C-alpha atoms as a PDB file:
ATOM      1  CA  MET A   1      85.437 -54.065  14.078  1.00  0.00           C
ATOM      2  CA  ALA A   2      87.389 -52.303  11.354  1.00  0.00           C
ATOM      3  CA  VAL A   3      86.277 -53.033   7.815  1.00  0.00           C
ATOM      4  CA  THR A   4      88.875 -53.021   5.064  1.00  0.00           C
ATOM      5  CA  PRO A   5      87.404 -51.924   1.754  1.00  0.00           C
ATOM      6  CA  ALA A   6      87.418 -54.689  -0.839  1.00  0.00           C
ATOM      7  CA  ARG A   7      88.895 -53.298  -4.041  1.00  0.00           C
ATOM      8  CA  ARG A   8      87.585 -54.449  -7.383  1.00  0.00           C
ATOM      9  CA  PRO A   9      90.136 -55.850  -9.821  1.00  0.00           C
ATOM     10  CA  THR A  10      90.371 -53.867 -13.025  1.00  0.00           C
ATOM     11  CA  THR A  11      92.000 -54.428 -16.384  1.00  0.00           C
ATOM     12  CA  CYS A  12      91.809 -50.728 -17.290  1.00  0.00           C
ATOM     13  CA  ALA A  13      94.838 -48.475 -17.347  1.00  0.00           C
ATOM     14  CA  VAL A  14      92.763 -46.065 -15.271  1.00  0.00           C
ATOM     15  CA  PRO A  15      90.960 -47.730 -12.370  1.00  0.00           C
ATOM     16  CA  THR A  16      87.189 -47.694 -12.704  1.00  0.00           C
ATOM     17  CA  ILE A  17      85.202 -46.034  -9.979  1.00  0.00           C
ATOM     18  CA  CYS A  18      81.795 -47.322  -8.976  1.00  0.00           C
ATOM     19  CA  ALA A  19      78.823 -45.904  -7.138  1.00  0.00           C
ATOM     20  CA  LEU A  20      76.517 -47.702  -4.734  1.00  0.00           C
ATOM     21  CA  PHE A  21      73.112 -46.302  -3.867  1.00  0.00           C
ATOM     22  CA  VAL A  22      71.584 -47.568  -0.633  1.00  0.00           C
ATOM     23  CA  ASP A  23      67.817 -47.125  -0.956  1.00  0.00           C
ATOM     24  CA  CYS A  24      66.616 -46.429   2.585  1.00  0.00           C
ATOM     25  CA  THR A  25      62.915 -46.392   1.792  1.00  0.00           C
ATOM     26  CA  LEU A  26      60.725 -47.389   4.710  1.00  0.00           C
ATOM     27  CA  LYS A  27      58.223 -49.165   2.466  1.00  0.00           C
ATOM     28  CA  PRO A  28      58.654 -52.869   1.747  1.00  0.00           C
ATOM     29  CA  PRO A  29      57.517 -54.138  -1.653  1.00  0.00           C
ATOM     30  CA  PRO A  30      55.071 -53.879  -3.270  1.00  0.00           C
ATOM     31  CA  ALA A  31      54.262 -50.498  -1.665  1.00  0.00           C
ATOM     32  CA  LEU A  32      54.998 -47.472  -3.871  1.00  0.00           C
ATOM     33  CA  SER A  33      58.010 -45.446  -2.801  1.00  0.00           C
ATOM     34  CA  HIS A  34      59.383 -42.306  -4.430  1.00  0.00           C
ATOM     35  CA  THR A  35      62.918 -42.941  -3.182  1.00  0.00           C
ATOM     36  CA  PRO A  36      63.831 -45.207  -6.147  1.00  0.00           C
ATOM     37  CA  GLY A  37      62.770 -42.456  -8.555  1.00  0.00           C
ATOM     38  CA  LEU A  38      65.139 -40.017  -6.891  1.00  0.00           C
ATOM     39  CA  ILE A  39      67.923 -42.590  -6.998  1.00  0.00           C
ATOM     40  CA  ASP A  40      67.205 -43.269 -10.683  1.00  0.00           C
ATOM     41  CA  GLN A  41      67.806 -39.597 -11.495  1.00  0.00           C
ATOM     42  CA  SER A  42      71.211 -39.602  -9.796  1.00  0.00           C
ATOM     43  CA  ARG A  43      72.010 -42.983 -11.276  1.00  0.00           C
ATOM     44  CA  ALA A  44      71.298 -41.679 -14.792  1.00  0.00           C
ATOM     45  CA  THR A  45      73.836 -38.905 -14.209  1.00  0.00           C
ATOM     46  CA  MET A  46      76.453 -41.455 -13.162  1.00  0.00           C
ATOM     47  CA  ASP A  47      75.620 -43.756 -16.083  1.00  0.00           C
ATOM     48  CA  ALA A  48      75.963 -40.865 -18.539  1.00  0.00           C
ATOM     49  CA  ARG A  49      79.500 -40.360 -17.272  1.00  0.00           C
ATOM     50  CA  GLY A  50      80.439 -44.034 -17.468  1.00  0.00           C
ATOM     51  CA  VAL A  51      80.308 -44.705 -13.737  1.00  0.00           C
ATOM     52  CA  PRO A  52      78.975 -48.207 -12.988  1.00  0.00           C
ATOM     53  CA  THR A  53      76.209 -48.126 -10.380  1.00  0.00           C
ATOM     54  CA  ASP A  54      74.378 -50.576  -8.187  1.00  0.00           C
ATOM     55  CA  VAL A  55      71.394 -50.200  -5.867  1.00  0.00           C
ATOM     56  CA  VAL A  56      70.757 -52.023  -2.599  1.00  0.00           C
ATOM     57  CA  ARG A  57      67.404 -51.722  -0.825  1.00  0.00           C
ATOM     58  CA  ALA A  58      68.065 -51.698   2.918  1.00  0.00           C
ATOM     59  CA  VAL A  59      64.480 -52.779   3.683  1.00  0.00           C
ATOM     60  CA  ASP A  60      65.115 -56.069   1.832  1.00  0.00           C
ATOM     61  CA  HIS A  61      67.828 -57.047   4.327  1.00  0.00           C
ATOM     62  CA  ASP A  62      67.507 -58.171   7.909  1.00  0.00           C
ATOM     63  CA  THR A  63      69.466 -55.348   9.517  1.00  0.00           C
ATOM     64  CA  ALA A  64      69.266 -55.116  13.270  1.00  0.00           C
ATOM     65  CA  PRO A  65      68.871 -51.711  14.955  1.00  0.00           C
ATOM     66  CA  GLY A  66      71.859 -50.488  16.892  1.00  0.00           C
ATOM     67  CA  VAL A  67      75.216 -48.770  16.670  1.00  0.00           C
ATOM     68  CA  HIS A  68      77.605 -51.729  16.598  1.00  0.00           C
ATOM     69  CA  PRO A  69      79.045 -53.140  13.347  1.00  0.00           C
ATOM     70  CA  ASP A  70      77.517 -56.576  14.000  1.00  0.00           C
ATOM     71  CA  MET A  71      74.543 -56.623  16.328  1.00  0.00           C
ATOM     72  CA  THR A  72      74.593 -60.435  16.612  1.00  0.00           C
ATOM     73  CA  ARG A  73      77.342 -59.825  19.158  1.00  0.00           C
ATOM     74  CA  ASN A  74      74.861 -57.752  21.139  1.00  0.00           C
ATOM     75  CA  GLY A  75      71.893 -60.071  21.496  1.00  0.00           C
ATOM     76  CA  PHE A  76      70.261 -60.075  18.044  1.00  0.00           C
ATOM     77  CA  ALA A  77      69.709 -63.390  16.285  1.00  0.00           C
ATOM     78  CA  SER A  78      70.741 -61.982  12.901  1.00  0.00           C
ATOM     79  CA  ASP A  79      72.107 -58.837  11.329  1.00  0.00           C
ATOM     80  CA  GLY A  80      72.458 -58.205   7.602  1.00  0.00           C
ATOM     81  CA  TRP A  81      74.503 -55.039   8.076  1.00  0.00           C
ATOM     82  CA  PRO A  82      77.997 -56.634   7.966  1.00  0.00           C
ATOM     83  CA  VAL A  83      77.386 -57.828   4.377  1.00  0.00           C
ATOM     84  CA  LEU A  84      75.890 -54.474   3.344  1.00  0.00           C
ATOM     85  CA  CYS A  85      78.775 -52.657   5.024  1.00  0.00           C
ATOM     86  CA  GLU A  86      81.268 -54.534   2.834  1.00  0.00           C
ATOM     87  CA  GLN A  87      79.435 -53.299  -0.258  1.00  0.00           C
ATOM     88  CA  VAL A  88      79.320 -49.728   1.040  1.00  0.00           C
ATOM     89  CA  MET A  89      83.023 -49.755   1.912  1.00  0.00           C
ATOM     90  CA  ALA A  90      83.938 -51.183  -1.522  1.00  0.00           C
ATOM     91  CA  ALA A  91      82.098 -48.389  -3.360  1.00  0.00           C
ATOM     92  CA  ASP A  92      84.037 -45.334  -4.419  1.00  0.00           C
ATOM     93  CA  ILE A  93      80.866 -43.233  -4.295  1.00  0.00           C
ATOM     94  CA  PRO A  94      78.507 -44.536  -1.587  1.00  0.00           C
ATOM     95  CA  THR A  95      75.193 -42.690  -1.599  1.00  0.00           C
ATOM     96  CA  THR A  96      72.033 -43.015   0.461  1.00  0.00           C
ATOM     97  CA  GLY A  97      68.547 -42.390  -0.856  1.00  0.00           C
ATOM     98  CA  LEU A  98      66.450 -41.259   2.085  1.00  0.00           C
ATOM     99  CA  PRO A  99      62.666 -41.097   2.232  1.00  0.00           C
ATOM    100  CA  THR A 100      60.920 -37.763   2.582  1.00  0.00           C
ATOM    101  CA  ALA A 101      57.707 -37.144   4.436  1.00  0.00           C
ATOM    102  CA  ALA A 102      56.621 -33.827   2.985  1.00  0.00           C
ATOM    103  CA  GLY A 103      53.117 -33.046   4.143  1.00  0.00           C
ATOM    104  CA  SER A 104      52.891 -36.099   6.384  1.00  0.00           C
ATOM    105  CA  THR A 105      51.936 -35.859  10.016  1.00  0.00           C
END
């Protein structure tokens, strides 16, 4: 399934770019995760340059495991990825914040 990026309307003479951070922490709330702190640092850099940003926490969505664009077509009852994919495709600067496991075994 090909996804066409949804473009944001703009009233500016120069189109505005936007950044989307996908927080891929493995910890559901209220567990402490350091991934948002890392994203906040990058987000501050974007904000300082006038780039609008948004953050989506993948763990808050019911995304099915798999490699197909919509896993409901492959036996899963639900899959939140198609909605998230639209947001990712609409962003000019899509970025993932990945967890680290330094020192973990």
